[in-house]
Amino acid sequence: MFITFEGIEGCGKTTQLRRLTRTLQKRGIPCLATLEPGGTAVGKKIRKILLDSRNTLLTPLAELMLYEADRAQHVQEVIEPALRKGFWVLCDRFFDATVVYQGFARKQDLGLIRYLNGKATGGLAPQRTFLLDCPVDVGLGRANARNNRGQDRFEREKAAFHRKVREAYLELSRRHRKRFVVIDATAGREVVEEEIFEHLRPFLPTGRGKKRAS
């Protein structure tokens, strides 16, 4: 089972991914939590470049190529091997983030992005994508409150940029209704956690959940 978490800055996706990982592990389900960018040793170096607020001259096209390089390494080195072993893979951002951030918000060619995503993933796609949705002011407020090292390149973007990101995510969720599950991220952490788990109950091995979907 391949599950991704998406959303604007400060939406709580990382927190919920960690909570779901713990829940699955308690039920004896082998799982791997990972992230993009930065899910490999090579990816960690790419992540530093992408998020460093000092890299003000990084062009949108160069940014796109760095994300795709990170993804190609990540899929081949981490995600596909784990899936072959029967692990549930939980990923903090995947190719939808590139469509939204580099495509809709940075205005890079969407056809090029689809092509590069296809090459980087080898056609791999999540079975479920949880979009944790919240207003931009809420997300940025949370992001700023948690930062003790200053804002990264994306958190420093203007509110209009983040509004484009949110609108684009919601548009993707409408286009891919079978894969996306939109969650109200303004609810309490426990409420969000339970809602996510309820959507996954039908996929649990027999006896691993409290109840089975009919």
C-alpha atoms as a PDB file:
ATOM      1  CA  MET A   1       0.000   0.000   0.000  1.00  0.00           C
ATOM      2  CA  PHE A   2       1.461   3.332  -1.082  1.00  0.00           C
ATOM      3  CA  ILE A   3       0.000   6.375   0.703  1.00  0.00           C
ATOM      4  CA  THR A   4       0.977  10.023   0.285  1.00  0.00           C
ATOM      5  CA  PHE A   5       0.243  13.114   2.362  1.00  0.00           C
ATOM      6  CA  GLU A   6      -0.094  16.505   0.697  1.00  0.00           C
ATOM      7  CA  GLY A   7      -1.029  20.049   1.629  1.00  0.00           C
ATOM      8  CA  ILE A   8       0.200  23.599   2.082  1.00  0.00           C
ATOM      9  CA  GLU A   9       2.874  24.608   4.574  1.00  0.00           C
ATOM     10  CA  GLY A  10       1.751  23.988   8.152  1.00  0.00           C
ATOM     11  CA  CYS A  11      -1.248  21.811   7.277  1.00  0.00           C
ATOM     12  CA  GLY A  12      -0.153  19.038   9.654  1.00  0.00           C
ATOM     13  CA  LYS A  13       0.637  16.326   7.110  1.00  0.00           C
ATOM     14  CA  THR A  14       3.956  15.383   8.719  1.00  0.00           C
ATOM     15  CA  THR A  15       2.327  15.022  12.124  1.00  0.00           C
ATOM     16  CA  GLN A  16      -0.443  12.842  10.728  1.00  0.00           C
ATOM     17  CA  LEU A  17       1.984  10.680   8.774  1.00  0.00           C
ATOM     18  CA  ARG A  18       3.886   9.978  11.990  1.00  0.00           C
ATOM     19  CA  ARG A  19       0.690   9.190  13.869  1.00  0.00           C
ATOM     20  CA  LEU A  20      -0.502   6.803  11.186  1.00  0.00           C
ATOM     21  CA  THR A  21       2.901   5.103  11.146  1.00  0.00           C
ATOM     22  CA  ARG A  22       2.674   4.443  14.883  1.00  0.00           C
ATOM     23  CA  THR A  23      -0.894   3.150  14.561  1.00  0.00           C
ATOM     24  CA  LEU A  24       0.018   0.723  11.794  1.00  0.00           C
ATOM     25  CA  GLN A  25       3.094  -0.504  13.628  1.00  0.00           C
ATOM     26  CA  LYS A  26       1.021  -1.204  16.754  1.00  0.00           C
ATOM     27  CA  ARG A  27      -1.208  -3.404  14.593  1.00  0.00           C
ATOM     28  CA  GLY A  28       1.751  -5.335  13.312  1.00  0.00           C
ATOM     29  CA  ILE A  29       1.665  -3.878   9.802  1.00  0.00           C
ATOM     30  CA  PRO A  30       5.168  -3.358   8.392  1.00  0.00           C
ATOM     31  CA  CYS A  31       5.445   0.228   7.207  1.00  0.00           C
ATOM     32  CA  LEU A  32       7.989   2.779   6.124  1.00  0.00           C
ATOM     33  CA  ALA A  33       7.672   6.537   6.650  1.00  0.00           C
ATOM     34  CA  THR A  34       9.602   8.687   4.196  1.00  0.00           C
ATOM     35  CA  LEU A  35       9.520  12.141   2.617  1.00  0.00           C
ATOM     36  CA  GLU A  36      10.286  14.277  -0.416  1.00  0.00           C
ATOM     37  CA  PRO A  37      12.628  15.894  -0.879  1.00  0.00           C
ATOM     38  CA  GLY A  38      15.195  14.170   1.312  1.00  0.00           C
ATOM     39  CA  GLY A  39      14.236  10.495   1.527  1.00  0.00           C
ATOM     40  CA  THR A  40      17.727   9.301   0.575  1.00  0.00           C
ATOM     41  CA  ALA A  41      21.301  10.338   1.309  1.00  0.00           C
ATOM     42  CA  VAL A  42      21.457  12.060  -2.070  1.00  0.00           C
ATOM     43  CA  GLY A  43      18.016  13.544  -1.465  1.00  0.00           C
ATOM     44  CA  LYS A  44      19.092  15.113   1.821  1.00  0.00           C
ATOM     45  CA  LYS A  45      21.705  17.140  -0.052  1.00  0.00           C
ATOM     46  CA  ILE A  46      19.138  18.173  -2.657  1.00  0.00           C
ATOM     47  CA  ARG A  47      16.713  19.147   0.103  1.00  0.00           C
ATOM     48  CA  LYS A  48      19.264  21.532   1.622  1.00  0.00           C
ATOM     49  CA  ILE A  49      19.589  23.319  -1.709  1.00  0.00           C
ATOM     50  CA  LEU A  50      15.838  23.517  -2.286  1.00  0.00           C
ATOM     51  CA  LEU A  51      14.869  24.795   1.149  1.00  0.00           C
ATOM     52  CA  ASP A  52      17.800  27.107   1.867  1.00  0.00           C
ATOM     53  CA  SER A  53      16.333  30.616   1.923  1.00  0.00           C
ATOM     54  CA  ARG A  54      19.698  32.005   0.814  1.00  0.00           C
ATOM     55  CA  ASN A  55      19.308  30.395  -2.617  1.00  0.00           C
ATOM     56  CA  THR A  56      17.321  33.314  -3.992  1.00  0.00           C
ATOM     57  CA  LEU A  57      18.693  32.903  -7.535  1.00  0.00           C
ATOM     58  CA  LEU A  58      17.500  29.314  -7.978  1.00  0.00           C
ATOM     59  CA  THR A  59      15.367  29.371 -11.128  1.00  0.00           C
ATOM     60  CA  PRO A  60      11.959  27.632 -11.334  1.00  0.00           C
ATOM     61  CA  LEU A  61      13.269  25.217 -13.972  1.00  0.00           C
ATOM     62  CA  ALA A  62      16.339  24.319 -11.914  1.00  0.00           C
ATOM     63  CA  GLU A  63      14.064  23.859  -8.892  1.00  0.00           C
ATOM     64  CA  LEU A  64      11.861  21.485 -10.894  1.00  0.00           C
ATOM     65  CA  MET A  65      14.824  19.424 -12.072  1.00  0.00           C
ATOM     66  CA  LEU A  66      16.163  19.096  -8.528  1.00  0.00           C
ATOM     67  CA  TYR A  67      12.805  17.779  -7.292  1.00  0.00           C
ATOM     68  CA  GLU A  68      12.667  15.236 -10.094  1.00  0.00           C
ATOM     69  CA  ALA A  69      16.244  14.096  -9.409  1.00  0.00           C
ATOM     70  CA  ASP A  70      15.329  13.607  -5.751  1.00  0.00           C
ATOM     71  CA  ARG A  71      12.223  11.635  -6.757  1.00  0.00           C
ATOM     72  CA  ALA A  72      14.017   9.360  -9.209  1.00  0.00           C
ATOM     73  CA  GLN A  73      16.550   8.393  -6.538  1.00  0.00           C
ATOM     74  CA  HIS A  74      13.864   8.049  -3.881  1.00  0.00           C
ATOM     75  CA  VAL A  75      11.621   5.736  -5.885  1.00  0.00           C
ATOM     76  CA  GLN A  76      14.420   3.427  -6.978  1.00  0.00           C
ATOM     77  CA  GLU A  77      16.352   3.342  -3.711  1.00  0.00           C
ATOM     78  CA  VAL A  78      13.591   3.455  -1.091  1.00  0.00           C
ATOM     79  CA  ILE A  79       9.966   3.260  -2.195  1.00  0.00           C
ATOM     80  CA  GLU A  80       9.944   0.437  -4.726  1.00  0.00           C
ATOM     81  CA  PRO A  81      12.147  -1.904  -2.642  1.00  0.00           C
ATOM     82  CA  ALA A  82       9.892  -1.384   0.391  1.00  0.00           C
ATOM     83  CA  LEU A  83       6.727  -2.040  -1.617  1.00  0.00           C
ATOM     84  CA  ARG A  84       8.232  -5.223  -3.062  1.00  0.00           C
ATOM     85  CA  LYS A  85       8.874  -6.431   0.497  1.00  0.00           C
ATOM     86  CA  GLY A  86       5.204  -5.908   1.355  1.00  0.00           C
ATOM     87  CA  PHE A  87       5.628  -2.742   3.403  1.00  0.00           C
ATOM     88  CA  TRP A  88       3.071   0.028   3.558  1.00  0.00           C
ATOM     89  CA  VAL A  89       4.927   3.139   2.390  1.00  0.00           C
ATOM     90  CA  LEU A  90       3.809   6.503   3.789  1.00  0.00           C
ATOM     91  CA  CYS A  91       5.336   9.463   1.991  1.00  0.00           C
ATOM     92  CA  ASP A  92       5.320  13.124   2.995  1.00  0.00           C
ATOM     93  CA  ARG A  93       4.755  14.720  -0.443  1.00  0.00           C
ATOM     94  CA  PHE A  94       5.162  13.061  -3.833  1.00  0.00           C
ATOM     95  CA  PHE A  95       4.543  14.017  -7.455  1.00  0.00           C
ATOM     96  CA  ASP A  96       1.345  15.982  -6.736  1.00  0.00           C
ATOM     97  CA  ALA A  97       3.465  18.529  -4.875  1.00  0.00           C
ATOM     98  CA  THR A  98       5.546  19.117  -8.001  1.00  0.00           C
ATOM     99  CA  VAL A  99       2.445  19.593 -10.140  1.00  0.00           C
ATOM    100  CA  VAL A 100       1.111  22.118  -7.634  1.00  0.00           C
ATOM    101  CA  TYR A 101       4.213  24.026  -6.539  1.00  0.00           C
ATOM    102  CA  GLN A 102       6.335  23.979  -9.671  1.00  0.00           C
ATOM    103  CA  GLY A 103       3.459  23.731 -12.160  1.00  0.00           C
ATOM    104  CA  PHE A 104       0.543  25.826 -10.984  1.00  0.00           C
ATOM    105  CA  ALA A 105       2.409  28.170  -8.622  1.00  0.00           C
ATOM    106  CA  ARG A 106       5.759  28.516 -10.444  1.00  0.00           C
ATOM    107  CA  LYS A 107       4.082  28.300 -13.869  1.00  0.00           C
ATOM    108  CA  GLN A 108       6.357  25.603 -15.263  1.00  0.00           C
ATOM    109  CA  ASP A 109       5.030  23.620 -18.227  1.00  0.00           C
ATOM    110  CA  LEU A 110       2.563  21.010 -16.961  1.00  0.00           C
ATOM    111  CA  GLY A 111       3.242  18.716 -19.884  1.00  0.00           C
ATOM    112  CA  LEU A 112       6.929  18.721 -19.048  1.00  0.00           C
ATOM    113  CA  ILE A 113       6.148  18.029 -15.390  1.00  0.00           C
ATOM    114  CA  ARG A 114       3.919  15.068 -16.268  1.00  0.00           C
ATOM    115  CA  TYR A 115       6.687  13.685 -18.483  1.00  0.00           C
ATOM    116  CA  LEU A 116       9.373  14.123 -15.822  1.00  0.00           C
ATOM    117  CA  ASN A 117       7.155  12.678 -13.101  1.00  0.00           C
ATOM    118  CA  GLY A 118       6.523   9.642 -15.273  1.00  0.00           C
ATOM    119  CA  LYS A 119      10.239   9.153 -15.870  1.00  0.00           C
ATOM    120  CA  ALA A 120      11.185   9.692 -12.227  1.00  0.00           C
ATOM    121  CA  THR A 121       8.543   7.321 -10.859  1.00  0.00           C
ATOM    122  CA  GLY A 122       8.527   4.705 -13.591  1.00  0.00           C
ATOM    123  CA  GLY A 123       4.741   4.990 -13.530  1.00  0.00           C
ATOM    124  CA  LEU A 124       4.405   4.427  -9.788  1.00  0.00           C
ATOM    125  CA  ALA A 125       1.435   6.250  -8.244  1.00  0.00           C
ATOM    126  CA  PRO A 126      -0.061   6.351  -4.734  1.00  0.00           C
ATOM    127  CA  GLN A 127      -3.120   4.256  -3.985  1.00  0.00           C
ATOM    128  CA  ARG A 128      -4.409   6.938  -1.598  1.00  0.00           C
ATOM    129  CA  THR A 129      -3.456  10.586  -1.229  1.00  0.00           C
ATOM    130  CA  PHE A 130      -4.582  12.462   1.872  1.00  0.00           C
ATOM    131  CA  LEU A 131      -4.872  16.182   1.228  1.00  0.00           C
ATOM    132  CA  LEU A 132      -4.869  18.018   4.542  1.00  0.00           C
ATOM    133  CA  ASP A 133      -6.641  21.236   3.660  1.00  0.00           C
ATOM    134  CA  CYS A 134      -6.687  24.438   5.670  1.00  0.00           C
ATOM    135  CA  PRO A 135      -6.781  28.197   5.012  1.00  0.00           C
ATOM    136  CA  VAL A 136      -3.459  29.745   4.116  1.00  0.00           C
ATOM    137  CA  ASP A 137      -3.357  31.999   7.175  1.00  0.00           C
ATOM    138  CA  VAL A 138      -3.867  28.985   9.437  1.00  0.00           C
ATOM    139  CA  GLY A 139      -1.157  26.931   7.749  1.00  0.00           C
ATOM    140  CA  LEU A 140       1.414  29.717   7.651  1.00  0.00           C
ATOM    141  CA  GLY A 141       0.627  30.638  11.240  1.00  0.00           C
ATOM    142  CA  ARG A 142       1.386  27.076  12.327  1.00  0.00           C
ATOM    143  CA  ALA A 143       4.542  26.938  10.188  1.00  0.00           C
ATOM    144  CA  ASN A 144       5.863  30.190  11.634  1.00  0.00           C
ATOM    145  CA  ALA A 145       5.090  29.087  15.188  1.00  0.00           C
ATOM    146  CA  ARG A 146       7.116  25.886  14.847  1.00  0.00           C
ATOM    147  CA  ASN A 147      10.150  27.469  13.190  1.00  0.00           C
ATOM    148  CA  ASN A 148      13.135  28.051  15.417  1.00  0.00           C
ATOM    149  CA  ARG A 149      15.614  28.252  12.543  1.00  0.00           C
ATOM    150  CA  GLY A 150      13.791  30.766  10.385  1.00  0.00           C
ATOM    151  CA  GLN A 151      11.579  30.315   7.342  1.00  0.00           C
ATOM    152  CA  ASP A 152      12.638  28.157   4.411  1.00  0.00           C
ATOM    153  CA  ARG A 153      12.423  29.252   0.744  1.00  0.00           C
ATOM    154  CA  PHE A 154       8.779  28.258   0.391  1.00  0.00           C
ATOM    155  CA  GLU A 155       7.552  29.580   3.708  1.00  0.00           C
ATOM    156  CA  ARG A 156       8.979  32.976   2.720  1.00  0.00           C
ATOM    157  CA  GLU A 157       6.769  33.142  -0.357  1.00  0.00           C
ATOM    158  CA  LYS A 158       3.922  35.658  -0.327  1.00  0.00           C
ATOM    159  CA  ALA A 159       0.424  34.623   0.715  1.00  0.00           C
ATOM    160  CA  ALA A 160      -0.726  34.794  -2.916  1.00  0.00           C
ATOM    161  CA  PHE A 161       1.709  31.995  -3.790  1.00  0.00           C
ATOM    162  CA  HIS A 162       0.337  29.769  -1.043  1.00  0.00           C
ATOM    163  CA  ARG A 163      -3.234  30.504  -2.102  1.00  0.00           C
ATOM    164  CA  LYS A 164      -2.351  29.266  -5.596  1.00  0.00           C
ATOM    165  CA  VAL A 165      -0.901  26.127  -4.054  1.00  0.00           C
ATOM    166  CA  ARG A 166      -4.012  25.458  -2.002  1.00  0.00           C
ATOM    167  CA  GLU A 167      -6.362  26.082  -4.936  1.00  0.00           C
ATOM    168  CA  ALA A 168      -4.270  23.815  -7.148  1.00  0.00           C
ATOM    169  CA  TYR A 169      -4.350  21.005  -4.593  1.00  0.00           C
ATOM    170  CA  LEU A 170      -8.130  21.249  -4.388  1.00  0.00           C
ATOM    171  CA  GLU A 171      -8.335  21.195  -8.176  1.00  0.00           C
ATOM    172  CA  LEU A 172      -6.210  18.038  -8.293  1.00  0.00           C
ATOM    173  CA  SER A 173      -8.451  16.429  -5.704  1.00  0.00           C
ATOM    174  CA  ARG A 174     -11.458  17.077  -7.939  1.00  0.00           C
ATOM    175  CA  ARG A 175      -9.674  15.617 -10.959  1.00  0.00           C
ATOM    176  CA  HIS A 176      -8.564  12.492  -9.104  1.00  0.00           C
ATOM    177  CA  ARG A 177     -11.471  11.753  -6.796  1.00  0.00           C
ATOM    178  CA  LYS A 178     -10.767   8.024  -6.538  1.00  0.00           C
ATOM    179  CA  ARG A 179      -7.266   8.600  -5.174  1.00  0.00           C
ATOM    180  CA  PHE A 180      -7.602  11.810  -3.151  1.00  0.00           C
ATOM    181  CA  VAL A 181      -9.198  12.084   0.274  1.00  0.00           C
ATOM    182  CA  VAL A 182      -9.618  15.692   1.414  1.00  0.00           C
ATOM    183  CA  ILE A 183      -9.360  16.141   5.184  1.00  0.00           C
ATOM    184  CA  ASP A 184     -10.289  19.276   7.139  1.00  0.00           C
ATOM    185  CA  ALA A 185      -6.935  20.053   8.727  1.00  0.00           C
ATOM    186  CA  THR A 186      -8.430  22.675  11.052  1.00  0.00           C
ATOM    187  CA  ALA A 187      -9.957  19.913  13.183  1.00  0.00           C
ATOM    188  CA  GLY A 188      -8.087  18.612  16.218  1.00  0.00           C
ATOM    189  CA  ARG A 189      -5.165  16.258  15.673  1.00  0.00           C
ATOM    190  CA  GLU A 190      -7.032  13.287  17.128  1.00  0.00           C
ATOM    191  CA  VAL A 191     -10.062  13.963  14.922  1.00  0.00           C
ATOM    192  CA  VAL A 192      -7.918  14.160  11.800  1.00  0.00           C
ATOM    193  CA  GLU A 193      -6.005  11.036  12.804  1.00  0.00           C
ATOM    194  CA  GLU A 194      -9.199   9.020  13.265  1.00  0.00           C
ATOM    195  CA  GLU A 195     -10.675  10.213   9.972  1.00  0.00           C
ATOM    196  CA  ILE A 196      -7.559   9.155   8.091  1.00  0.00           C
ATOM    197  CA  PHE A 197      -7.553   5.738   9.733  1.00  0.00           C
ATOM    198  CA  GLU A 198     -11.231   5.203   8.973  1.00  0.00           C
ATOM    199  CA  HIS A 199     -10.516   5.652   5.269  1.00  0.00           C
ATOM    200  CA  LEU A 200      -7.829   2.981   5.479  1.00  0.00           C
ATOM    201  CA  ARG A 201      -9.774   0.338   7.417  1.00  0.00           C
ATOM    202  CA  PRO A 202     -10.947  -1.453   4.247  1.00  0.00           C
ATOM    203  CA  PHE A 203      -7.304  -2.013   3.289  1.00  0.00           C
ATOM    204  CA  LEU A 204      -6.203  -3.515   6.602  1.00  0.00           C
ATOM    205  CA  PRO A 205      -5.370  -7.222   6.679  1.00  0.00           C
ATOM    206  CA  THR A 206      -8.163  -9.237   8.307  1.00  0.00           C
ATOM    207  CA  GLY A 207      -8.205  -8.806  12.055  1.00  0.00           C
ATOM    208  CA  ARG A 208      -5.926  -5.763  12.099  1.00  0.00           C
ATOM    209  CA  GLY A 209      -8.685  -3.172  12.452  1.00  0.00           C
ATOM    210  CA  LYS A 210     -11.433  -2.759  15.022  1.00  0.00           C
ATOM    211  CA  LYS A 211     -14.048  -3.170  12.318  1.00  0.00           C
ATOM    212  CA  ARG A 212     -14.250  -4.140   8.705  1.00  0.00           C
ATOM    213  CA  ALA A 213     -15.924  -2.141   5.961  1.00  0.00           C
ATOM    214  CA  SER A 214     -18.978  -3.828   4.518  1.00  0.00           C
END
